[in-house]
C-alpha atoms as a PDB file:
ATOM      1  CA  UNK A   1      86.578-116.839 145.741  1.00  0.00           C
ATOM      2  CA  UNK A   2      87.103-120.090 147.627  1.00  0.00           C
ATOM      3  CA  UNK A   3      84.551-120.817 150.354  1.00  0.00           C
ATOM      4  CA  UNK A   4      85.480-123.598 152.826  1.00  0.00           C
ATOM      5  CA  UNK A   5      81.837-124.608 153.346  1.00  0.00           C
ATOM      6  CA  UNK A   6      80.919-124.984 149.678  1.00  0.00           C
ATOM      7  CA  UNK A   7      81.076-128.480 148.150  1.00  0.00           C
ATOM      8  CA  UNK A   8      84.513-129.534 146.944  1.00  0.00           C
ATOM      9  CA  UNK A   9      84.843-132.976 145.357  1.00  0.00           C
ATOM     10  CA  UNK A  10      88.194-134.409 146.407  1.00  0.00           C
ATOM     11  CA  UNK A  11      89.259-136.721 143.583  1.00  0.00           C
ATOM     12  CA  UNK A  12      91.124-139.815 144.740  1.00  0.00           C
ATOM     13  CA  UNK A  13      92.803-142.911 143.308  1.00  0.00           C
ATOM     14  CA  UNK A  14      90.845-145.900 141.978  1.00  0.00           C
ATOM     15  CA  UNK A  15      87.986-143.671 140.859  1.00  0.00           C
ATOM     16  CA  UNK A  16      86.976-142.742 144.408  1.00  0.00           C
ATOM     17  CA  UNK A  17      86.013-139.288 145.623  1.00  0.00           C
ATOM     18  CA  UNK A  18      84.902-137.581 148.828  1.00  0.00           C
ATOM     19  CA  UNK A  19      82.810-134.432 149.159  1.00  0.00           C
ATOM     20  CA  UNK A  20      84.360-131.858 151.466  1.00  0.00           C
ATOM     21  CA  UNK A  21      82.907-128.593 152.702  1.00  0.00           C
ATOM     22  CA  UNK A  22      79.262-128.990 153.801  1.00  0.00           C
ATOM     23  CA  UNK A  23      80.158-131.380 156.646  1.00  0.00           C
ATOM     24  CA  UNK A  24      83.404-132.057 158.496  1.00  0.00           C
ATOM     25  CA  UNK A  25      85.209-135.305 157.685  1.00  0.00           C
ATOM     26  CA  UNK A  26      87.208-137.579 159.982  1.00  0.00           C
ATOM     27  CA  UNK A  27      90.566-139.122 159.074  1.00  0.00           C
ATOM     28  CA  UNK A  28      91.363-141.787 161.662  1.00  0.00           C
ATOM     29  CA  UNK A  29      94.981-142.445 162.625  1.00  0.00           C
ATOM     30  CA  UNK A  30      96.259-146.020 162.496  1.00  0.00           C
ATOM     31  CA  UNK A  31      99.963-146.140 163.358  1.00  0.00           C
ATOM     32  CA  UNK A  32     101.520-149.473 162.454  1.00  0.00           C
ATOM     33  CA  UNK A  33     104.527-148.579 164.593  1.00  0.00           C
ATOM     34  CA  UNK A  34     106.074-149.446 167.961  1.00  0.00           C
ATOM     35  CA  UNK A  35     107.075-145.857 168.792  1.00  0.00           C
ATOM     36  CA  UNK A  36     104.371-143.340 167.851  1.00  0.00           C
ATOM     37  CA  UNK A  37     103.919-140.743 170.570  1.00  0.00           C
ATOM     38  CA  UNK A  38     100.535-141.776 171.999  1.00  0.00           C
ATOM     39  CA  UNK A  39      99.632-145.183 170.583  1.00  0.00           C
ATOM     40  CA  UNK A  40     102.919-146.792 169.600  1.00  0.00           C
ATOM     41  CA  UNK A  41     102.790-150.579 169.782  1.00  0.00           C
ATOM     42  CA  UNK A  42      99.001-150.838 169.997  1.00  0.00           C
ATOM     43  CA  UNK A  43      98.479-151.603 166.313  1.00  0.00           C
ATOM     44  CA  UNK A  44     101.870-152.792 165.090  1.00  0.00           C
ATOM     45  CA  UNK A  45     100.532-156.183 163.958  1.00  0.00           C
ATOM     46  CA  UNK A  46      98.489-156.501 160.776  1.00  0.00           C
ATOM     47  CA  UNK A  47      95.489-158.044 162.533  1.00  0.00           C
ATOM     48  CA  UNK A  48      95.417-155.335 165.213  1.00  0.00           C
ATOM     49  CA  UNK A  49      95.769-152.529 162.657  1.00  0.00           C
ATOM     50  CA  UNK A  50      92.992-153.926 160.464  1.00  0.00           C
ATOM     51  CA  UNK A  51      90.696-154.351 163.461  1.00  0.00           C
ATOM     52  CA  UNK A  52      91.452-150.797 164.543  1.00  0.00           C
ATOM     53  CA  UNK A  53      90.661-149.418 161.091  1.00  0.00           C
ATOM     54  CA  UNK A  54      87.325-151.251 161.000  1.00  0.00           C
ATOM     55  CA  UNK A  55      86.459-149.995 164.478  1.00  0.00           C
ATOM     56  CA  UNK A  56      87.254-146.448 163.318  1.00  0.00           C
ATOM     57  CA  UNK A  57      84.940-146.850 160.334  1.00  0.00           C
ATOM     58  CA  UNK A  58      82.161-148.057 162.603  1.00  0.00           C
ATOM     59  CA  UNK A  59      82.727-145.046 164.878  1.00  0.00           C
ATOM     60  CA  UNK A  60      82.266-142.682 161.935  1.00  0.00           C
ATOM     61  CA  UNK A  61      85.628-142.246 160.218  1.00  0.00           C
ATOM     62  CA  UNK A  62      85.526-141.302 156.539  1.00  0.00           C
ATOM     63  CA  UNK A  63      89.223-142.031 155.930  1.00  0.00           C
ATOM     64  CA  UNK A  64      91.819-144.206 157.637  1.00  0.00           C
ATOM     65  CA  UNK A  65      95.410-142.918 157.520  1.00  0.00           C
ATOM     66  CA  UNK A  66      97.961-145.720 157.820  1.00  0.00           C
ATOM     67  CA  UNK A  67     101.534-144.892 158.782  1.00  0.00           C
ATOM     68  CA  UNK A  68     104.625-147.031 159.206  1.00  0.00           C
ATOM     69  CA  UNK A  69     107.114-144.495 160.586  1.00  0.00           C
ATOM     70  CA  UNK A  70     106.677-142.384 163.686  1.00  0.00           C
ATOM     71  CA  UNK A  71     106.939-138.624 163.170  1.00  0.00           C
ATOM     72  CA  UNK A  72     107.355-137.914 166.893  1.00  0.00           C
ATOM     73  CA  UNK A  73     110.308-135.609 167.627  1.00  0.00           C
ATOM     74  CA  UNK A  74     113.537-137.482 168.261  1.00  0.00           C
ATOM     75  CA  UNK A  75     112.335-140.867 166.983  1.00  0.00           C
ATOM     76  CA  UNK A  76     114.739-142.552 164.572  1.00  0.00           C
ATOM     77  CA  UNK A  77     113.669-143.020 160.963  1.00  0.00           C
ATOM     78  CA  UNK A  78     113.068-146.515 159.626  1.00  0.00           C
ATOM     79  CA  UNK A  79     114.148-147.851 156.255  1.00  0.00           C
ATOM     80  CA  UNK A  80     111.832-147.708 153.281  1.00  0.00           C
ATOM     81  CA  UNK A  81     111.671-151.506 153.276  1.00  0.00           C
ATOM     82  CA  UNK A  82     110.594-151.615 156.921  1.00  0.00           C
ATOM     83  CA  UNK A  83     107.994-148.923 156.382  1.00  0.00           C
ATOM     84  CA  UNK A  84     106.586-150.857 153.430  1.00  0.00           C
ATOM     85  CA  UNK A  85     106.590-154.137 155.362  1.00  0.00           C
ATOM     86  CA  UNK A  86     104.460-152.434 158.007  1.00  0.00           C
ATOM     87  CA  UNK A  87     101.880-150.612 155.907  1.00  0.00           C
ATOM     88  CA  UNK A  88     101.387-152.600 152.712  1.00  0.00           C
ATOM     89  CA  UNK A  89      99.826-155.740 154.270  1.00  0.00           C
ATOM     90  CA  UNK A  90      97.394-153.550 156.223  1.00  0.00           C
ATOM     91  CA  UNK A  91      96.388-151.580 153.135  1.00  0.00           C
ATOM     92  CA  UNK A  92      95.982-154.759 151.102  1.00  0.00           C
ATOM     93  CA  UNK A  93      93.795-156.369 153.761  1.00  0.00           C
ATOM     94  CA  UNK A  94      91.582-153.297 154.123  1.00  0.00           C
ATOM     95  CA  UNK A  95      91.308-152.821 150.353  1.00  0.00           C
ATOM     96  CA  UNK A  96      90.012-156.395 150.035  1.00  0.00           C
ATOM     97  CA  UNK A  97      87.307-155.629 152.576  1.00  0.00           C
ATOM     98  CA  UNK A  98      86.237-152.373 150.911  1.00  0.00           C
ATOM     99  CA  UNK A  99      84.090-149.674 152.464  1.00  0.00           C
ATOM    100  CA  UNK A 100      86.977-147.424 153.528  1.00  0.00           C
ATOM    101  CA  UNK A 101      88.928-144.630 151.937  1.00  0.00           C
ATOM    102  CA  UNK A 102      92.559-145.431 152.670  1.00  0.00           C
ATOM    103  CA  UNK A 103      95.417-142.967 153.085  1.00  0.00           C
ATOM    104  CA  UNK A 104      99.109-143.755 153.387  1.00  0.00           C
ATOM    105  CA  UNK A 105     101.168-141.512 155.663  1.00  0.00           C
ATOM    106  CA  UNK A 106     104.557-141.355 153.954  1.00  0.00           C
ATOM    107  CA  UNK A 107     107.064-138.954 152.418  1.00  0.00           C
ATOM    108  CA  UNK A 108     108.720-141.679 150.310  1.00  0.00           C
ATOM    109  CA  UNK A 109     107.786-141.821 146.635  1.00  0.00           C
ATOM    110  CA  UNK A 110     108.249-145.576 146.295  1.00  0.00           C
ATOM    111  CA  UNK A 111     106.224-146.340 149.417  1.00  0.00           C
ATOM    112  CA  UNK A 112     103.467-144.113 148.051  1.00  0.00           C
ATOM    113  CA  UNK A 113     103.521-145.867 144.681  1.00  0.00           C
ATOM    114  CA  UNK A 114     103.326-149.319 146.252  1.00  0.00           C
ATOM    115  CA  UNK A 115     100.634-148.228 148.700  1.00  0.00           C
ATOM    116  CA  UNK A 116      98.374-146.887 145.943  1.00  0.00           C
ATOM    117  CA  UNK A 117      98.928-150.084 143.958  1.00  0.00           C
ATOM    118  CA  UNK A 118      97.887-152.003 147.096  1.00  0.00           C
ATOM    119  CA  UNK A 119      94.655-150.025 147.365  1.00  0.00           C
ATOM    120  CA  UNK A 120      95.365-146.653 148.994  1.00  0.00           C
ATOM    121  CA  UNK A 121      93.388-143.686 147.695  1.00  0.00           C
ATOM    122  CA  UNK A 122      95.339-140.800 149.280  1.00  0.00           C
ATOM    123  CA  UNK A 123      99.003-139.944 149.826  1.00  0.00           C
ATOM    124  CA  UNK A 124      99.614-137.910 152.997  1.00  0.00           C
ATOM    125  CA  UNK A 125     103.092-136.343 152.966  1.00  0.00           C
ATOM    126  CA  UNK A 126     104.243-134.699 156.197  1.00  0.00           C
ATOM    127  CA  UNK A 127     107.188-133.114 154.379  1.00  0.00           C
ATOM    128  CA  UNK A 128     104.987-131.299 151.900  1.00  0.00           C
ATOM    129  CA  UNK A 129     106.577-132.882 148.794  1.00  0.00           C
ATOM    130  CA  UNK A 130     109.882-131.210 149.667  1.00  0.00           C
ATOM    131  CA  UNK A 131     111.835-134.200 150.967  1.00  0.00           C
ATOM    132  CA  UNK A 132     111.149-136.496 147.996  1.00  0.00           C
ATOM    133  CA  UNK A 133     109.564-134.323 145.281  1.00  0.00           C
ATOM    134  CA  UNK A 134     109.086-137.446 143.132  1.00  0.00           C
ATOM    135  CA  UNK A 135     106.132-138.291 145.378  1.00  0.00           C
ATOM    136  CA  UNK A 136     104.181-135.615 143.503  1.00  0.00           C
ATOM    137  CA  UNK A 137     104.707-137.518 140.243  1.00  0.00           C
ATOM    138  CA  UNK A 138     103.384-140.645 141.944  1.00  0.00           C
ATOM    139  CA  UNK A 139     100.217-138.773 142.875  1.00  0.00           C
ATOM    140  CA  UNK A 140      99.857-137.403 139.362  1.00  0.00           C
ATOM    141  CA  UNK A 141     100.429-140.748 137.667  1.00  0.00           C
ATOM    142  CA  UNK A 142      98.148-142.747 139.980  1.00  0.00           C
ATOM    143  CA  UNK A 143      95.409-140.162 140.417  1.00  0.00           C
ATOM    144  CA  UNK A 144      95.784-140.304 144.186  1.00  0.00           C
ATOM    145  CA  UNK A 145      94.424-137.627 146.445  1.00  0.00           C
ATOM    146  CA  UNK A 146      97.289-135.654 147.911  1.00  0.00           C
ATOM    147  CA  UNK A 147      97.552-134.120 151.368  1.00  0.00           C
ATOM    148  CA  UNK A 148     100.411-131.620 151.507  1.00  0.00           C
ATOM    149  CA  UNK A 149     101.567-130.739 155.019  1.00  0.00           C
ATOM    150  CA  UNK A 150     103.562-127.738 156.215  1.00  0.00           C
ATOM    151  CA  UNK A 151     106.497-128.465 158.486  1.00  0.00           C
ATOM    152  CA  UNK A 152     109.028-126.277 160.244  1.00  0.00           C
ATOM    153  CA  UNK A 153     111.505-129.091 160.769  1.00  0.00           C
ATOM    154  CA  UNK A 154     115.029-128.986 159.374  1.00  0.00           C
ATOM    155  CA  UNK A 155     114.830-125.419 158.084  1.00  0.00           C
ATOM    156  CA  UNK A 156     114.810-121.806 159.259  1.00  0.00           C
ATOM    157  CA  UNK A 157     111.247-120.546 159.750  1.00  0.00           C
ATOM    158  CA  UNK A 158     109.891-117.063 159.271  1.00  0.00           C
ATOM    159  CA  UNK A 159     108.812-115.403 162.510  1.00  0.00           C
ATOM    160  CA  UNK A 160     105.201-114.918 161.398  1.00  0.00           C
ATOM    161  CA  UNK A 161     103.280-118.221 161.365  1.00  0.00           C
ATOM    162  CA  UNK A 162     101.151-117.366 158.331  1.00  0.00           C
ATOM    163  CA  UNK A 163     104.046-115.941 156.341  1.00  0.00           C
ATOM    164  CA  UNK A 164     105.918-119.188 156.940  1.00  0.00           C
ATOM    165  CA  UNK A 165     102.900-121.216 155.816  1.00  0.00           C
ATOM    166  CA  UNK A 166     102.762-119.189 152.630  1.00  0.00           C
ATOM    167  CA  UNK A 167     106.469-119.515 151.854  1.00  0.00           C
ATOM    168  CA  UNK A 168     106.514-123.271 152.432  1.00  0.00           C
ATOM    169  CA  UNK A 169     103.170-124.247 150.903  1.00  0.00           C
ATOM    170  CA  UNK A 170     103.609-122.041 147.843  1.00  0.00           C
ATOM    171  CA  UNK A 171     106.725-124.062 147.062  1.00  0.00           C
ATOM    172  CA  UNK A 172     104.881-127.338 147.702  1.00  0.00           C
ATOM    173  CA  UNK A 173     102.046-126.337 145.389  1.00  0.00           C
ATOM    174  CA  UNK A 174     104.595-125.378 142.728  1.00  0.00           C
ATOM    175  CA  UNK A 175     106.092-128.887 142.972  1.00  0.00           C
ATOM    176  CA  UNK A 176     102.617-130.406 142.651  1.00  0.00           C
ATOM    177  CA  UNK A 177     101.762-128.272 139.603  1.00  0.00           C
ATOM    178  CA  UNK A 178     105.058-129.078 137.886  1.00  0.00           C
ATOM    179  CA  UNK A 179     104.352-132.796 138.402  1.00  0.00           C
ATOM    180  CA  UNK A 180     100.873-132.485 136.917  1.00  0.00           C
ATOM    181  CA  UNK A 181      98.767-132.990 140.042  1.00  0.00           C
ATOM    182  CA  UNK A 182      95.265-131.638 139.405  1.00  0.00           C
ATOM    183  CA  UNK A 183      93.924-129.004 141.783  1.00  0.00           C
ATOM    184  CA  UNK A 184      90.911-131.121 142.724  1.00  0.00           C
ATOM    185  CA  UNK A 185      93.227-133.767 144.182  1.00  0.00           C
ATOM    186  CA  UNK A 186      94.986-131.472 146.691  1.00  0.00           C
ATOM    187  CA  UNK A 187      94.224-130.785 150.354  1.00  0.00           C
ATOM    188  CA  UNK A 188      96.571-128.745 152.553  1.00  0.00           C
ATOM    189  CA  UNK A 189      97.575-129.314 156.179  1.00  0.00           C
ATOM    190  CA  UNK A 190      99.164-126.478 158.233  1.00  0.00           C
ATOM    191  CA  UNK A 191     101.107-129.029 160.293  1.00  0.00           C
ATOM    192  CA  UNK A 192     100.106-128.337 163.874  1.00  0.00           C
ATOM    193  CA  UNK A 193     102.898-129.417 166.197  1.00  0.00           C
ATOM    194  CA  UNK A 194     105.601-129.866 163.581  1.00  0.00           C
ATOM    195  CA  UNK A 195     108.364-127.583 164.863  1.00  0.00           C
ATOM    196  CA  UNK A 196     105.792-125.184 166.287  1.00  0.00           C
ATOM    197  CA  UNK A 197     105.625-124.200 169.956  1.00  0.00           C
ATOM    198  CA  UNK A 198     102.432-123.646 171.936  1.00  0.00           C
ATOM    199  CA  UNK A 199     102.139-119.970 171.059  1.00  0.00           C
ATOM    200  CA  UNK A 200     102.672-120.687 167.362  1.00  0.00           C
ATOM    201  CA  UNK A 201     100.039-123.425 167.333  1.00  0.00           C
ATOM    202  CA  UNK A 202      97.510-121.208 169.089  1.00  0.00           C
ATOM    203  CA  UNK A 203      98.301-118.324 166.732  1.00  0.00           C
ATOM    204  CA  UNK A 204      97.783-120.665 163.789  1.00  0.00           C
ATOM    205  CA  UNK A 205      94.376-121.613 165.156  1.00  0.00           C
ATOM    206  CA  UNK A 206      93.449-117.990 165.803  1.00  0.00           C
ATOM    207  CA  UNK A 207      94.468-116.927 162.278  1.00  0.00           C
ATOM    208  CA  UNK A 208      93.202-120.040 160.513  1.00  0.00           C
ATOM    209  CA  UNK A 209      91.017-118.047 158.137  1.00  0.00           C
ATOM    210  CA  UNK A 210      94.098-116.515 156.550  1.00  0.00           C
ATOM    211  CA  UNK A 211      94.905-119.910 155.042  1.00  0.00           C
ATOM    212  CA  UNK A 212      91.973-119.665 152.615  1.00  0.00           C
ATOM    213  CA  UNK A 213      94.253-117.608 150.389  1.00  0.00           C
ATOM    214  CA  UNK A 214      95.459-120.972 149.016  1.00  0.00           C
ATOM    215  CA  UNK A 215      92.009-121.851 147.681  1.00  0.00           C
ATOM    216  CA  UNK A 216      92.199-125.435 148.937  1.00  0.00           C
ATOM    217  CA  UNK A 217      90.374-127.443 151.600  1.00  0.00           C
ATOM    218  CA  UNK A 218      92.403-127.777 154.782  1.00  0.00           C
ATOM    219  CA  UNK A 219      93.061-130.762 157.018  1.00  0.00           C
ATOM    220  CA  UNK A 220      93.641-130.134 160.729  1.00  0.00           C
ATOM    221  CA  UNK A 221      95.877-132.540 162.628  1.00  0.00           C
ATOM    222  CA  UNK A 222      95.831-131.374 166.245  1.00  0.00           C
ATOM    223  CA  UNK A 223      95.107-134.738 167.846  1.00  0.00           C
ATOM    224  CA  UNK A 224      96.796-135.193 171.228  1.00  0.00           C
ATOM    225  CA  UNK A 225      99.528-132.725 170.263  1.00  0.00           C
ATOM    226  CA  UNK A 226     101.844-131.258 172.868  1.00  0.00           C
ATOM    227  CA  UNK A 227     100.303-127.789 172.730  1.00  0.00           C
ATOM    228  CA  UNK A 228      96.982-129.261 173.888  1.00  0.00           C
ATOM    229  CA  UNK A 229      98.840-130.753 176.827  1.00  0.00           C
ATOM    230  CA  UNK A 230     100.455-127.395 177.557  1.00  0.00           C
ATOM    231  CA  UNK A 231      97.018-125.773 177.785  1.00  0.00           C
ATOM    232  CA  UNK A 232      95.180-128.579 179.613  1.00  0.00           C
ATOM    233  CA  UNK A 233      98.010-130.011 181.702  1.00  0.00           C
ATOM    234  CA  UNK A 234      97.288-133.530 180.418  1.00  0.00           C
ATOM    235  CA  UNK A 235      99.552-136.230 179.060  1.00  0.00           C
ATOM    236  CA  UNK A 236      99.028-137.521 175.508  1.00  0.00           C
ATOM    237  CA  UNK A 237      96.494-140.241 176.327  1.00  0.00           C
ATOM    238  CA  UNK A 238      94.303-137.739 178.181  1.00  0.00           C
ATOM    239  CA  UNK A 239      94.098-135.093 175.452  1.00  0.00           C
ATOM    240  CA  UNK A 240      91.081-136.321 173.484  1.00  0.00           C
ATOM    241  CA  UNK A 241      88.635-133.846 175.058  1.00  0.00           C
ATOM    242  CA  UNK A 242      91.059-131.016 174.324  1.00  0.00           C
ATOM    243  CA  UNK A 243      91.447-132.339 170.786  1.00  0.00           C
ATOM    244  CA  UNK A 244      87.668-132.348 170.323  1.00  0.00           C
ATOM    245  CA  UNK A 245      87.573-128.706 171.423  1.00  0.00           C
ATOM    246  CA  UNK A 246      90.094-127.802 168.725  1.00  0.00           C
ATOM    247  CA  UNK A 247      88.064-129.820 166.215  1.00  0.00           C
ATOM    248  CA  UNK A 248      84.928-127.797 166.952  1.00  0.00           C
ATOM    249  CA  UNK A 249      86.824-124.505 166.864  1.00  0.00           C
ATOM    250  CA  UNK A 250      88.619-125.278 163.614  1.00  0.00           C
ATOM    251  CA  UNK A 251      85.479-126.603 161.946  1.00  0.00           C
ATOM    252  CA  UNK A 252      83.854-123.286 162.773  1.00  0.00           C
ATOM    253  CA  UNK A 253      86.871-121.640 161.113  1.00  0.00           C
ATOM    254  CA  UNK A 254      86.366-123.773 157.994  1.00  0.00           C
ATOM    255  CA  UNK A 255      88.644-126.813 158.305  1.00  0.00           C
ATOM    256  CA  UNK A 256      87.385-129.700 156.177  1.00  0.00           C
ATOM    257  CA  UNK A 257      89.125-132.851 157.437  1.00  0.00           C
ATOM    258  CA  UNK A 258      90.243-133.770 160.962  1.00  0.00           C
ATOM    259  CA  UNK A 259      93.019-136.296 161.540  1.00  0.00           C
ATOM    260  CA  UNK A 260      92.364-137.825 164.964  1.00  0.00           C
ATOM    261  CA  UNK A 261      93.038-140.756 167.260  1.00  0.00           C
ATOM    262  CA  UNK A 262      89.635-140.910 168.992  1.00  0.00           C
ATOM    263  CA  UNK A 263      87.005-140.954 166.271  1.00  0.00           C
ATOM    264  CA  UNK A 264      83.871-140.989 168.422  1.00  0.00           C
ATOM    265  CA  UNK A 265      84.530-137.881 170.525  1.00  0.00           C
ATOM    266  CA  UNK A 266      85.636-135.883 167.486  1.00  0.00           C
ATOM    267  CA  UNK A 267      82.648-137.068 165.458  1.00  0.00           C
ATOM    268  CA  UNK A 268      80.389-135.694 168.196  1.00  0.00           C
ATOM    269  CA  UNK A 269      82.302-132.414 168.183  1.00  0.00           C
ATOM    270  CA  UNK A 270      81.840-132.147 164.412  1.00  0.00           C
ATOM    271  CA  UNK A 271      78.142-132.937 164.599  1.00  0.00           C
ATOM    272  CA  UNK A 272      77.665-130.077 167.055  1.00  0.00           C
ATOM    273  CA  UNK A 273      79.839-127.692 165.047  1.00  0.00           C
ATOM    274  CA  UNK A 274      78.059-128.535 161.792  1.00  0.00           C
ATOM    275  CA  UNK A 275      74.655-128.121 163.467  1.00  0.00           C
ATOM    276  CA  UNK A 276      75.692-124.666 164.649  1.00  0.00           C
ATOM    277  CA  UNK A 277      77.004-123.732 161.215  1.00  0.00           C
ATOM    278  CA  UNK A 278      73.744-124.854 159.621  1.00  0.00           C
ATOM    279  CA  UNK A 279      71.710-122.869 162.167  1.00  0.00           C
ATOM    280  CA  UNK A 280      73.551-119.661 161.351  1.00  0.00           C
ATOM    281  CA  UNK A 281      73.402-120.313 157.614  1.00  0.00           C
ATOM    282  CA  UNK A 282      77.152-120.607 157.030  1.00  0.00           C
ATOM    283  CA  UNK A 283      76.606-123.294 154.424  1.00  0.00           C
ATOM    284  CA  UNK A 284      73.534-121.806 152.756  1.00  0.00           C
END
């Protein structure tokens, strides 16, 4: 039976790997975009994005996730060429420096292929392999780590949040298996905030343990999401304390990786959560 606190070696591209389970891991967000919901335009130049990634590493990030298209509701999509023009120079520059595990945030198979060739270790697909299923073949052929996210966008959801996770992610895992992606390369993401209202997001947190049925480590991406604002009354830029609270709660529930904007405050939250877990023997 899968235990979220036992060691799991996440196999990644270029011979890299990352141990998940015994301690929580941070995936820092670097949006090379002008229109992301809380930090659009801050890191849309190569030099600024590279400096941000290095600062995140120094603050304690284990992974840097680099995206070239905003996933905020209502924001227009960009072309594949524009996405690639944004992310590839950043990945190349960071790969030359070394010392960071790099993730590319994309649903496009060709962007993923080029990003791994440029030095990315992980492909993070917010459409769960179901918009461009060929992205799974890219992961299989390159040996990239693969983060498969649930989304409720552009489809009819089931009323029960866990039942909908199961229906969607079972299909995503089937796509991954058919493409030849090895189990040890897959992490799942329940997709907080993606076509989920406040009650659904809170229910997903409350029932998080039901996701262990998949037998995979889970990434939590709650950072600055609207449901945190609904609870705290704060705008996006003021939601880092609320995010850190969700990080501690979800680590206690077994989440392995935390995709965040503010690395330092979430690193502290994880240190406290992991200390508590160790004290009660959860990882013995």
